[in-house]
């Protein structure tokens, strides 16, 4: 009886160790072109857009120019809550974007956020006729 119990524990003990390892799935690849690439974030204004070659040029707040590739496959572009196409981005639009350099040194945009002006008035501009907040 002792040998049967030993075999039982060995078989099920090994199964308990190997089954979770075998059941693990490989993580899906995201942004295949940038596996080990470092990214950087830039804020500035659009100086030019060329939808024909999928590029956008941006000048940051320090005056440095960036020309990036922006493709449907690799780049998400939005303005406010809306997803937009590269052709909707215009010169002088304020933007924030994240990019990486591919193996050839070309800058590729991961996302571009076309910034919108705040619609809500600042708290200081609110009229004093509003009732005080109650707790």
Protein backbone atom coordinates (compact mmCIF):
# COMPACT_ATOMS: atom_id res chain seq x y z
CA UNK A 1 0.00 0.00 0.00
CA UNK A 2 2.88 2.38 0.79
CA UNK A 3 4.40 1.91 -2.70
CA UNK A 4 1.05 2.66 -4.35
CA UNK A 5 0.70 5.86 -2.34
CA UNK A 6 4.26 6.89 -3.23
CA UNK A 7 3.62 6.33 -6.95
CA UNK A 8 0.32 8.20 -6.67
CA UNK A 9 1.98 11.26 -5.08
CA UNK A 10 4.87 11.20 -7.56
CA UNK A 11 2.58 11.04 -10.61
CA UNK A 12 0.17 13.70 -9.44
CA UNK A 13 2.96 15.82 -7.92
CA UNK A 14 4.81 15.95 -11.25
CA UNK A 15 1.56 16.69 -13.08
CA UNK A 16 0.91 19.60 -10.72
CA UNK A 17 4.31 21.10 -11.57
CA UNK A 18 4.36 20.51 -15.33
CA UNK A 19 0.76 21.29 -16.31
CA UNK A 20 0.92 25.02 -15.39
CA UNK A 21 4.20 25.37 -17.32
CA UNK A 22 2.73 23.68 -20.39
CA UNK A 23 -0.47 25.75 -20.17
CA UNK A 24 1.32 29.12 -20.35
CA UNK A 25 0.71 30.97 -23.59
CA UNK A 26 3.22 33.21 -25.29
CA UNK A 27 2.37 36.90 -24.85
CA UNK A 28 1.03 38.47 -28.05
CA UNK A 29 3.47 40.75 -29.83
CA UNK A 30 2.57 44.42 -29.81
CA UNK A 31 4.20 46.99 -32.09
CA UNK A 32 6.37 44.39 -33.79
CA UNK A 33 8.70 47.05 -35.21
CA UNK A 34 9.74 48.32 -31.78
CA UNK A 35 10.45 45.21 -29.68
CA UNK A 36 13.42 46.59 -27.76
CA UNK A 37 13.31 50.20 -28.87
CA UNK A 38 13.27 53.11 -26.45
CA UNK A 39 10.52 55.65 -26.89
CA UNK A 40 10.41 59.38 -26.31
CA UNK A 41 7.57 61.88 -25.91
CA UNK A 42 7.58 65.28 -27.62
CA UNK A 43 5.28 68.29 -27.25
CA UNK A 44 5.19 71.07 -29.82
CA UNK A 45 3.45 72.41 -32.92
CA UNK A 46 2.99 70.75 -36.28
CA UNK A 47 5.07 72.51 -38.92
CA UNK A 48 4.05 70.29 -41.87
CA UNK A 49 2.01 67.21 -42.76
CA UNK A 50 2.61 65.10 -45.86
CA UNK A 51 -0.18 62.53 -46.10
CA UNK A 52 1.29 61.16 -49.35
CA UNK A 53 4.42 59.86 -47.62
CA UNK A 54 2.80 59.48 -44.17
CA UNK A 55 5.01 62.01 -42.44
CA UNK A 56 4.49 64.79 -39.95
CA UNK A 57 7.00 67.44 -38.92
CA UNK A 58 6.86 68.91 -35.44
CA UNK A 59 8.85 71.69 -33.78
CA UNK A 60 9.13 71.24 -30.03
CA UNK A 61 9.04 74.04 -27.46
CA UNK A 62 12.86 74.33 -27.55
CA UNK A 63 12.84 74.80 -31.35
CA UNK A 64 14.07 71.30 -32.25
CA UNK A 65 12.54 69.82 -35.43
CA UNK A 66 11.28 66.24 -35.69
CA UNK A 67 10.07 64.51 -38.85
CA UNK A 68 8.20 61.30 -38.10
CA UNK A 69 6.50 58.57 -40.06
CA UNK A 70 2.86 58.00 -39.10
CA UNK A 71 1.13 54.96 -40.59
CA UNK A 72 -2.31 53.43 -40.06
CA UNK A 73 -0.65 50.21 -38.93
CA UNK A 74 1.63 51.74 -36.29
CA UNK A 75 0.23 55.13 -35.30
CA UNK A 76 -2.89 56.10 -33.34
CA UNK A 77 -3.98 59.69 -33.93
CA UNK A 78 -6.70 61.46 -31.98
CA UNK A 79 -8.08 64.90 -31.28
CA UNK A 80 -10.07 65.16 -28.09
CA UNK A 81 -12.14 61.98 -27.90
CA UNK A 82 -12.13 61.39 -31.66
CA UNK A 83 -9.78 59.15 -33.63
CA UNK A 84 -8.67 61.02 -36.76
CA UNK A 85 -6.62 60.40 -39.89
CA UNK A 86 -3.22 61.98 -40.54
CA UNK A 87 -4.80 64.14 -43.24
CA UNK A 88 -6.88 65.87 -40.52
CA UNK A 89 -3.74 67.10 -38.72
CA UNK A 90 -2.86 70.64 -39.79
CA UNK A 91 0.12 72.96 -39.54
CA UNK A 92 0.21 74.93 -36.25
CA UNK A 93 -1.83 72.24 -34.43
CA UNK A 94 -0.42 71.80 -30.91
CA UNK A 95 0.47 68.13 -30.39
CA UNK A 96 1.98 65.65 -28.03
CA UNK A 97 3.35 62.43 -29.47
CA UNK A 98 5.35 59.36 -28.63
CA UNK A 99 7.86 57.87 -31.08
CA UNK A 100 10.65 55.34 -31.43
CA UNK A 101 13.56 55.03 -33.84
CA UNK A 102 13.46 51.95 -36.04
CA UNK A 103 16.54 49.90 -36.97
CA UNK A 104 17.32 52.38 -39.78
CA UNK A 105 17.16 55.38 -37.41
CA UNK A 106 13.82 56.60 -38.81
CA UNK A 107 11.45 58.11 -36.21
CA UNK A 108 8.10 56.33 -36.15
CA UNK A 109 5.14 57.83 -34.29
CA UNK A 110 3.33 55.46 -31.92
CA UNK A 111 0.59 57.97 -31.09
CA UNK A 112 -0.18 61.60 -31.86
CA UNK A 113 -2.54 63.62 -29.68
CA UNK A 114 -3.76 66.83 -31.32
CA UNK A 115 -4.44 69.05 -28.33
CA UNK A 116 -7.68 71.00 -28.02
CA UNK A 117 -8.36 74.21 -26.11
CA UNK A 118 -10.06 73.87 -22.76
CA UNK A 119 -13.75 74.70 -23.06
CA UNK A 120 -14.48 75.03 -19.36
CA UNK A 121 -13.77 78.35 -17.67
CA UNK A 122 -11.12 78.31 -14.96
CA UNK A 123 -12.44 78.26 -11.40
CA UNK A 124 -11.26 81.86 -10.81
CA UNK A 125 -13.51 83.05 -13.66
CA UNK A 126 -16.67 81.53 -12.18
CA UNK A 127 -19.25 84.06 -11.04
CA UNK A 128 -19.52 84.68 -7.33
CA UNK A 129 -23.30 84.27 -7.51
CA UNK A 130 -22.92 80.50 -7.31
CA UNK A 131 -24.10 79.07 -3.99
CA UNK A 132 -21.38 77.95 -1.61
CA UNK A 133 -20.52 74.27 -1.56
CA UNK A 134 -22.26 72.29 1.13
CA UNK A 135 -20.69 69.40 2.96
